[in-house]
Amino acid sequence: HTIHKVDRVLFIRALHNLNRFESDAQTMTGALAAAHMLLKDDGKIGVVQHRAPETADDAWADGSAGYLKQSTVIALFEQAGFRFVAKSEVNANDKDQPSAADIVWRLPPTYFGAGEDADKRAAADAIGESDRMTLLFEKQ
């Protein structure tokens, strides 16, 4: 079989689920290895991911609450053979400052945990959608 190489791969709000099951099924490692194999030598990967504060506890920021630290994502990609190229704040939201008690799904459009509680929904609406990192990597 011939493997057809691609120019670009996108991971959009998917890394948290890959990372949260890494210890059970090597999902993050496998996905990054597959992306590396599929990319042409000068191929690029774009990432949009819910961003945890860098001060957050590592256990909380493992993806199970929907968030990952930007430094963690960069390190994982570098370990997988990618070079960090650039970042953008186009998807940043300074109003989203999650604590260890928060999950990303508390925010719109999901409103998990708010139910029909108008005050909880209003609080979530005041934050808006999650703070997101937007990163670019290149295959090495």
N, C-alpha and C. Protein backbone atom coordinates (compact mmCIF):
# COMPACT_ATOMS: atom_id res chain seq x y z
N HIS A 1 0.82 -1.19 0.00
CA HIS A 1 0.00 0.00 0.00
C HIS A 1 0.86 1.25 0.00
N THR A 2 0.45 2.21 -0.79
CA THR A 2 1.11 3.50 -0.81
C THR A 2 0.38 4.43 0.14
N ILE A 3 1.14 5.07 1.00
CA ILE A 3 0.54 6.06 1.91
C ILE A 3 0.60 7.42 1.23
N HIS A 4 -0.54 8.01 1.05
CA HIS A 4 -0.60 9.34 0.46
C HIS A 4 -0.36 10.36 1.55
N LYS A 5 0.62 11.19 1.34
CA LYS A 5 0.99 12.20 2.32
C LYS A 5 0.11 13.44 2.17
N VAL A 6 -0.08 14.14 3.28
CA VAL A 6 -0.91 15.34 3.29
C VAL A 6 -0.07 16.56 3.67
N ASP A 7 -0.57 17.73 3.28
CA ASP A 7 0.12 18.99 3.58
C ASP A 7 -0.18 19.49 4.99
N ARG A 8 -1.42 19.28 5.43
CA ARG A 8 -1.87 19.86 6.69
C ARG A 8 -2.75 18.89 7.47
N VAL A 9 -2.67 19.02 8.80
CA VAL A 9 -3.55 18.30 9.72
C VAL A 9 -4.07 19.32 10.72
N LEU A 10 -5.33 19.21 11.08
CA LEU A 10 -5.92 20.09 12.09
C LEU A 10 -6.42 19.27 13.26
N PHE A 11 -6.15 19.75 14.46
CA PHE A 11 -6.73 19.22 15.69
C PHE A 11 -7.52 20.37 16.31
N ILE A 12 -8.83 20.33 16.18
CA ILE A 12 -9.66 21.42 16.69
C ILE A 12 -10.48 20.91 17.87
N ARG A 13 -10.15 21.41 19.05
CA ARG A 13 -10.81 21.05 20.31
C ARG A 13 -10.95 19.53 20.46
N ALA A 14 -9.87 18.82 20.15
CA ALA A 14 -9.86 17.36 20.24
C ALA A 14 -8.78 16.83 21.17
N LEU A 15 -7.76 17.60 21.43
CA LEU A 15 -6.61 17.09 22.17
C LEU A 15 -6.93 16.71 23.60
N HIS A 16 -7.90 17.38 24.23
CA HIS A 16 -8.22 17.04 25.62
C HIS A 16 -8.70 15.60 25.73
N ASN A 17 -9.51 15.14 24.77
CA ASN A 17 -9.98 13.76 24.82
C ASN A 17 -8.85 12.78 24.50
N LEU A 18 -7.97 13.13 23.57
CA LEU A 18 -6.84 12.27 23.29
C LEU A 18 -5.93 12.15 24.51
N ASN A 19 -5.71 13.26 25.21
CA ASN A 19 -4.81 13.24 26.36
C ASN A 19 -5.42 12.54 27.57
N ARG A 20 -6.70 12.70 27.78
CA ARG A 20 -7.31 12.13 28.98
C ARG A 20 -7.33 10.60 28.96
N PHE A 21 -7.24 10.00 27.77
CA PHE A 21 -7.20 8.54 27.67
C PHE A 21 -5.82 8.01 27.32
N GLU A 22 -4.81 8.86 27.38
CA GLU A 22 -3.45 8.47 27.04
C GLU A 22 -2.95 7.30 27.89
N SER A 23 -3.16 7.35 29.19
CA SER A 23 -2.62 6.29 30.05
C SER A 23 -3.30 4.95 29.81
N ASP A 24 -4.56 4.97 29.38
CA ASP A 24 -5.28 3.73 29.12
C ASP A 24 -5.03 3.17 27.72
N ALA A 25 -4.91 4.06 26.73
CA ALA A 25 -4.89 3.58 25.35
C ALA A 25 -3.87 4.28 24.45
N GLN A 26 -2.98 5.10 25.02
CA GLN A 26 -1.97 5.82 24.24
C GLN A 26 -2.60 6.60 23.08
N THR A 27 -3.72 7.22 23.35
CA THR A 27 -4.47 7.93 22.31
C THR A 27 -3.75 9.17 21.80
N MET A 28 -3.15 9.94 22.68
CA MET A 28 -2.42 11.13 22.24
C MET A 28 -1.17 10.72 21.47
N THR A 29 -0.41 9.81 22.04
CA THR A 29 0.80 9.34 21.38
C THR A 29 0.49 8.78 20.00
N GLY A 30 -0.56 7.98 19.92
CA GLY A 30 -0.95 7.37 18.65
C GLY A 30 -1.40 8.40 17.62
N ALA A 31 -2.18 9.37 18.05
CA ALA A 31 -2.68 10.39 17.13
C ALA A 31 -1.54 11.24 16.59
N LEU A 32 -0.60 11.62 17.46
CA LEU A 32 0.51 12.45 17.00
C LEU A 32 1.46 11.66 16.10
N ALA A 33 1.66 10.38 16.40
CA ALA A 33 2.49 9.53 15.54
C ALA A 33 1.84 9.36 14.17
N ALA A 34 0.53 9.16 14.14
CA ALA A 34 -0.19 9.02 12.87
C ALA A 34 -0.11 10.31 12.06
N ALA A 35 -0.28 11.44 12.72
CA ALA A 35 -0.18 12.73 12.03
C ALA A 35 1.22 12.92 11.46
N HIS A 36 2.22 12.56 12.23
CA HIS A 36 3.61 12.70 11.78
C HIS A 36 3.86 11.84 10.54
N MET A 37 3.35 10.61 10.56
CA MET A 37 3.52 9.70 9.44
C MET A 37 2.80 10.21 8.19
N LEU A 38 1.62 10.78 8.36
CA LEU A 38 0.81 11.21 7.22
C LEU A 38 1.29 12.51 6.59
N LEU A 39 1.98 13.33 7.35
CA LEU A 39 2.40 14.64 6.85
C LEU A 39 3.60 14.55 5.92
N LYS A 40 3.59 15.40 4.90
CA LYS A 40 4.76 15.58 4.06
C LYS A 40 5.87 16.19 4.91
N ASP A 41 7.10 16.15 4.39
CA ASP A 41 8.23 16.64 5.18
C ASP A 41 8.08 18.08 5.65
N ASP A 42 7.44 18.93 4.87
CA ASP A 42 7.25 20.32 5.28
C ASP A 42 5.82 20.56 5.77
N GLY A 43 5.13 19.48 6.15
CA GLY A 43 3.74 19.57 6.57
C GLY A 43 3.56 20.32 7.88
N LYS A 44 2.39 20.86 8.04
CA LYS A 44 2.08 21.66 9.23
C LYS A 44 0.84 21.10 9.94
N ILE A 45 0.79 21.36 11.24
CA ILE A 45 -0.37 20.98 12.06
C ILE A 45 -0.90 22.23 12.73
N GLY A 46 -2.19 22.46 12.61
CA GLY A 46 -2.86 23.54 13.31
C GLY A 46 -3.63 22.97 14.50
N VAL A 47 -3.58 23.68 15.61
CA VAL A 47 -4.23 23.25 16.85
C VAL A 47 -5.08 24.39 17.39
N VAL A 48 -6.33 24.07 17.72
CA VAL A 48 -7.17 24.95 18.52
C VAL A 48 -7.62 24.10 19.69
N GLN A 49 -7.34 24.55 20.91
CA GLN A 49 -7.63 23.74 22.09
C GLN A 49 -7.98 24.62 23.28
N HIS A 50 -8.96 24.17 24.08
CA HIS A 50 -9.31 24.87 25.32
C HIS A 50 -8.04 24.98 26.16
N ARG A 51 -7.73 26.20 26.63
CA ARG A 51 -6.47 26.47 27.32
C ARG A 51 -6.66 26.60 28.83
N ALA A 52 -5.94 25.78 29.55
CA ALA A 52 -5.91 25.86 31.01
C ALA A 52 -4.90 26.93 31.42
N PRO A 53 -5.14 27.59 32.53
CA PRO A 53 -4.12 28.51 33.04
C PRO A 53 -2.83 27.73 33.34
N GLU A 54 -1.70 28.33 33.07
CA GLU A 54 -0.41 27.66 33.34
C GLU A 54 -0.23 27.36 34.82
N THR A 55 -0.93 28.07 35.68
CA THR A 55 -0.82 27.84 37.12
C THR A 55 -1.72 26.70 37.60
N ALA A 56 -2.53 26.15 36.73
CA ALA A 56 -3.47 25.09 37.12
C ALA A 56 -2.71 23.82 37.50
N ASP A 57 -3.32 23.05 38.37
CA ASP A 57 -2.77 21.77 38.78
C ASP A 57 -2.70 20.83 37.56
N ASP A 58 -1.59 20.14 37.40
CA ASP A 58 -1.41 19.26 36.25
C ASP A 58 -2.46 18.15 36.19
N ALA A 59 -2.86 17.64 37.33
CA ALA A 59 -3.86 16.56 37.35
C ALA A 59 -5.20 17.07 36.82
N TRP A 60 -5.56 18.29 37.17
CA TRP A 60 -6.81 18.87 36.67
C TRP A 60 -6.70 19.21 35.18
N ALA A 61 -5.52 19.66 34.75
CA ALA A 61 -5.32 20.10 33.37
C ALA A 61 -4.87 18.95 32.46
N ASP A 62 -5.35 17.75 32.74
CA ASP A 62 -4.97 16.58 31.94
C ASP A 62 -5.92 16.34 30.78
N GLY A 63 -6.94 17.17 30.64
CA GLY A 63 -7.92 17.02 29.58
C GLY A 63 -9.27 16.56 30.07
N SER A 64 -9.34 15.97 31.24
CA SER A 64 -10.62 15.44 31.72
C SER A 64 -11.64 16.54 32.01
N ALA A 65 -11.18 17.75 32.27
CA ALA A 65 -12.09 18.89 32.44
C ALA A 65 -12.20 19.69 31.14
N GLY A 66 -11.59 19.18 30.08
CA GLY A 66 -11.65 19.82 28.77
C GLY A 66 -10.48 20.74 28.47
N TYR A 67 -9.67 21.03 29.46
CA TYR A 67 -8.58 21.99 29.32
C TYR A 67 -7.21 21.32 29.34
N LEU A 68 -6.28 21.90 28.60
CA LEU A 68 -4.87 21.52 28.63
C LEU A 68 -4.04 22.79 28.73
N LYS A 69 -2.88 22.69 29.35
CA LYS A 69 -1.97 23.82 29.39
C LYS A 69 -1.28 23.97 28.02
N GLN A 70 -1.07 25.19 27.61
CA GLN A 70 -0.39 25.43 26.34
C GLN A 70 1.02 24.85 26.37
N SER A 71 1.71 24.99 27.49
CA SER A 71 3.07 24.45 27.59
C SER A 71 3.07 22.93 27.45
N THR A 72 2.04 22.27 27.95
CA THR A 72 1.93 20.82 27.83
C THR A 72 1.74 20.42 26.37
N VAL A 73 0.86 21.12 25.68
CA VAL A 73 0.59 20.82 24.27
C VAL A 73 1.86 20.99 23.45
N ILE A 74 2.56 22.08 23.66
CA ILE A 74 3.79 22.33 22.91
C ILE A 74 4.81 21.22 23.20
N ALA A 75 4.97 20.84 24.45
CA ALA A 75 5.92 19.79 24.81
C ALA A 75 5.54 18.45 24.17
N LEU A 76 4.25 18.11 24.17
CA LEU A 76 3.81 16.85 23.57
C LEU A 76 4.11 16.82 22.07
N PHE A 77 3.86 17.92 21.39
CA PHE A 77 4.13 17.97 19.95
C PHE A 77 5.62 17.92 19.67
N GLU A 78 6.42 18.60 20.48
CA GLU A 78 7.87 18.56 20.28
C GLU A 78 8.41 17.16 20.51
N GLN A 79 7.89 16.46 21.52
CA GLN A 79 8.31 15.08 21.78
C GLN A 79 7.93 14.16 20.63
N ALA A 80 6.87 14.52 19.91
CA ALA A 80 6.39 13.69 18.80
C ALA A 80 7.06 14.05 17.46
N GLY A 81 8.04 14.94 17.49
CA GLY A 81 8.79 15.25 16.28
C GLY A 81 8.31 16.46 15.50
N PHE A 82 7.64 17.38 16.19
CA PHE A 82 7.18 18.61 15.55
C PHE A 82 7.91 19.80 16.15
N ARG A 83 8.03 20.85 15.35
CA ARG A 83 8.63 22.10 15.80
C ARG A 83 7.53 23.13 15.96
N PHE A 84 7.52 23.80 17.11
CA PHE A 84 6.56 24.88 17.36
C PHE A 84 6.92 26.05 16.46
N VAL A 85 5.96 26.53 15.65
CA VAL A 85 6.22 27.58 14.68
C VAL A 85 5.65 28.92 15.13
N ALA A 86 4.38 28.92 15.54
CA ALA A 86 3.73 30.20 15.86
C ALA A 86 2.49 29.97 16.70
N LYS A 87 2.04 31.05 17.31
CA LYS A 87 0.78 31.03 18.04
C LYS A 87 0.00 32.27 17.68
N SER A 88 -1.30 32.20 17.92
CA SER A 88 -2.17 33.34 17.70
C SER A 88 -3.13 33.41 18.89
N GLU A 89 -3.55 34.60 19.20
CA GLU A 89 -4.53 34.79 20.27
C GLU A 89 -5.93 35.05 19.70
N VAL A 90 -6.15 34.68 18.44
CA VAL A 90 -7.42 34.93 17.78
C VAL A 90 -8.59 34.25 18.50
N ASN A 91 -8.34 33.14 19.19
CA ASN A 91 -9.39 32.43 19.92
C ASN A 91 -9.27 32.59 21.43
N ALA A 92 -8.51 33.57 21.87
CA ALA A 92 -8.33 33.80 23.31
C ALA A 92 -9.59 34.43 23.90
N ASN A 93 -9.83 34.13 25.17
CA ASN A 93 -10.93 34.75 25.91
C ASN A 93 -10.48 34.90 27.36
N ASP A 94 -10.01 36.10 27.70
CA ASP A 94 -9.51 36.37 29.05
C ASP A 94 -10.57 36.21 30.13
N LYS A 95 -11.85 36.22 29.75
CA LYS A 95 -12.92 36.06 30.74
C LYS A 95 -13.02 34.62 31.25
N ASP A 96 -12.48 33.67 30.50
CA ASP A 96 -12.50 32.27 30.93
C ASP A 96 -11.26 32.00 31.78
N GLN A 97 -11.45 32.01 33.08
CA GLN A 97 -10.39 31.73 34.04
C GLN A 97 -10.85 30.56 34.92
N PRO A 98 -10.81 29.34 34.39
CA PRO A 98 -11.36 28.20 35.12
C PRO A 98 -10.56 27.86 36.37
N SER A 99 -11.29 27.36 37.36
CA SER A 99 -10.67 26.87 38.59
C SER A 99 -10.72 25.34 38.55
N ALA A 100 -10.15 24.72 39.55
CA ALA A 100 -10.13 23.25 39.62
C ALA A 100 -11.53 22.67 39.75
N ALA A 101 -12.51 23.49 40.07
CA ALA A 101 -13.89 23.01 40.19
C ALA A 101 -14.65 23.12 38.86
N ASP A 102 -14.02 23.72 37.85
CA ASP A 102 -14.72 24.00 36.59
C ASP A 102 -14.39 22.99 35.50
N ILE A 103 -15.36 22.81 34.62
CA ILE A 103 -15.16 22.05 33.39
C ILE A 103 -15.53 22.95 32.22
N VAL A 104 -14.95 22.70 31.07
CA VAL A 104 -15.19 23.55 29.92
C VAL A 104 -16.65 23.53 29.49
N TRP A 105 -17.32 22.42 29.73
CA TRP A 105 -18.71 22.27 29.27
C TRP A 105 -19.72 23.07 30.08
N ARG A 106 -19.23 23.83 31.09
CA ARG A 106 -20.12 24.72 31.84
C ARG A 106 -20.47 25.94 30.99
N LEU A 107 -19.67 26.19 29.96
CA LEU A 107 -19.80 27.38 29.12
C LEU A 107 -20.69 27.10 27.91
N PRO A 108 -21.12 28.19 27.23
CA PRO A 108 -21.90 28.00 26.02
C PRO A 108 -21.06 27.26 24.96
N PRO A 109 -21.64 26.48 24.14
CA PRO A 109 -23.08 26.30 23.98
C PRO A 109 -23.67 25.18 24.83
N THR A 110 -22.85 24.49 25.66
CA THR A 110 -23.32 23.31 26.40
C THR A 110 -24.06 23.65 27.67
N TYR A 111 -23.54 24.58 28.46
CA TYR A 111 -24.14 25.00 29.74
C TYR A 111 -24.30 23.83 30.72
N PHE A 112 -23.39 22.86 30.70
CA PHE A 112 -23.50 21.70 31.57
C PHE A 112 -23.56 22.15 33.03
N GLY A 113 -24.51 21.63 33.75
CA GLY A 113 -24.68 21.96 35.16
C GLY A 113 -25.57 23.15 35.43
N ALA A 114 -25.88 23.92 34.39
CA ALA A 114 -26.73 25.10 34.59
C ALA A 114 -28.21 24.75 34.52
N GLY A 115 -28.54 23.72 33.76
CA GLY A 115 -29.95 23.36 33.60
C GLY A 115 -30.75 24.57 33.14
N GLU A 116 -31.86 24.79 33.81
CA GLU A 116 -32.71 25.95 33.49
C GLU A 116 -32.47 27.12 34.43
N ASP A 117 -31.38 27.04 35.24
CA ASP A 117 -31.04 28.09 36.20
C ASP A 117 -30.58 29.34 35.43
N ALA A 118 -31.40 30.35 35.40
CA ALA A 118 -31.13 31.57 34.63
C ALA A 118 -29.85 32.26 35.10
N ASP A 119 -29.59 32.25 36.43
CA ASP A 119 -28.39 32.91 36.93
C ASP A 119 -27.12 32.19 36.48
N LYS A 120 -27.13 30.86 36.51
CA LYS A 120 -25.96 30.10 36.06
C LYS A 120 -25.73 30.28 34.57
N ARG A 121 -26.81 30.31 33.81
CA ARG A 121 -26.68 30.52 32.37
C ARG A 121 -26.16 31.94 32.08
N ALA A 122 -26.63 32.91 32.83
CA ALA A 122 -26.17 34.29 32.64
C ALA A 122 -24.68 34.40 32.99
N ALA A 123 -24.26 33.72 34.05
CA ALA A 123 -22.84 33.74 34.43
C ALA A 123 -21.99 33.12 33.33
N ALA A 124 -22.46 32.02 32.76
CA ALA A 124 -21.73 31.38 31.66
C ALA A 124 -21.71 32.28 30.43
N ASP A 125 -22.83 32.92 30.14
CA ASP A 125 -22.89 33.83 28.99
C ASP A 125 -21.95 35.02 29.17
N ALA A 126 -21.78 35.48 30.41
CA ALA A 126 -20.88 36.61 30.67
C ALA A 126 -19.43 36.23 30.36
N ILE A 127 -19.10 34.96 30.53
CA ILE A 127 -17.75 34.48 30.17
C ILE A 127 -17.66 34.26 28.67
N GLY A 128 -18.67 33.63 28.12
CA GLY A 128 -18.64 33.29 26.69
C GLY A 128 -18.02 31.91 26.50
N GLU A 129 -17.51 31.66 25.31
CA GLU A 129 -16.89 30.37 25.05
C GLU A 129 -15.51 30.32 25.68
N SER A 130 -14.90 29.16 25.67
CA SER A 130 -13.63 28.93 26.37
C SER A 130 -12.48 29.76 25.81
N ASP A 131 -11.48 29.99 26.68
CA ASP A 131 -10.20 30.54 26.24
C ASP A 131 -9.51 29.43 25.46
N ARG A 132 -9.05 29.75 24.26
CA ARG A 132 -8.45 28.72 23.41
C ARG A 132 -7.08 29.15 22.89
N MET A 133 -6.17 28.20 22.93
CA MET A 133 -4.87 28.39 22.29
C MET A 133 -5.03 28.07 20.81
N THR A 134 -4.28 28.76 19.98
CA THR A 134 -4.24 28.49 18.55
C THR A 134 -2.77 28.42 18.18
N LEU A 135 -2.33 27.22 17.81
CA LEU A 135 -0.91 26.94 17.63
C LEU A 135 -0.64 26.36 16.25
N LEU A 136 0.59 26.57 15.78
CA LEU A 136 1.04 26.01 14.51
C LEU A 136 2.34 25.26 14.74
N PHE A 137 2.39 24.03 14.23
CA PHE A 137 3.58 23.18 14.33
C PHE A 137 3.99 22.73 12.93
N GLU A 138 5.27 22.38 12.79
CA GLU A 138 5.79 21.87 11.52
C GLU A 138 6.48 20.55 11.77
N LYS A 139 6.33 19.64 10.84
CA LYS A 139 7.00 18.34 10.94
C LYS A 139 8.51 18.55 10.83
N GLN A 140 9.25 17.90 11.70
CA GLN A 140 10.74 17.96 11.65
C GLN A 140 11.26 16.71 10.98
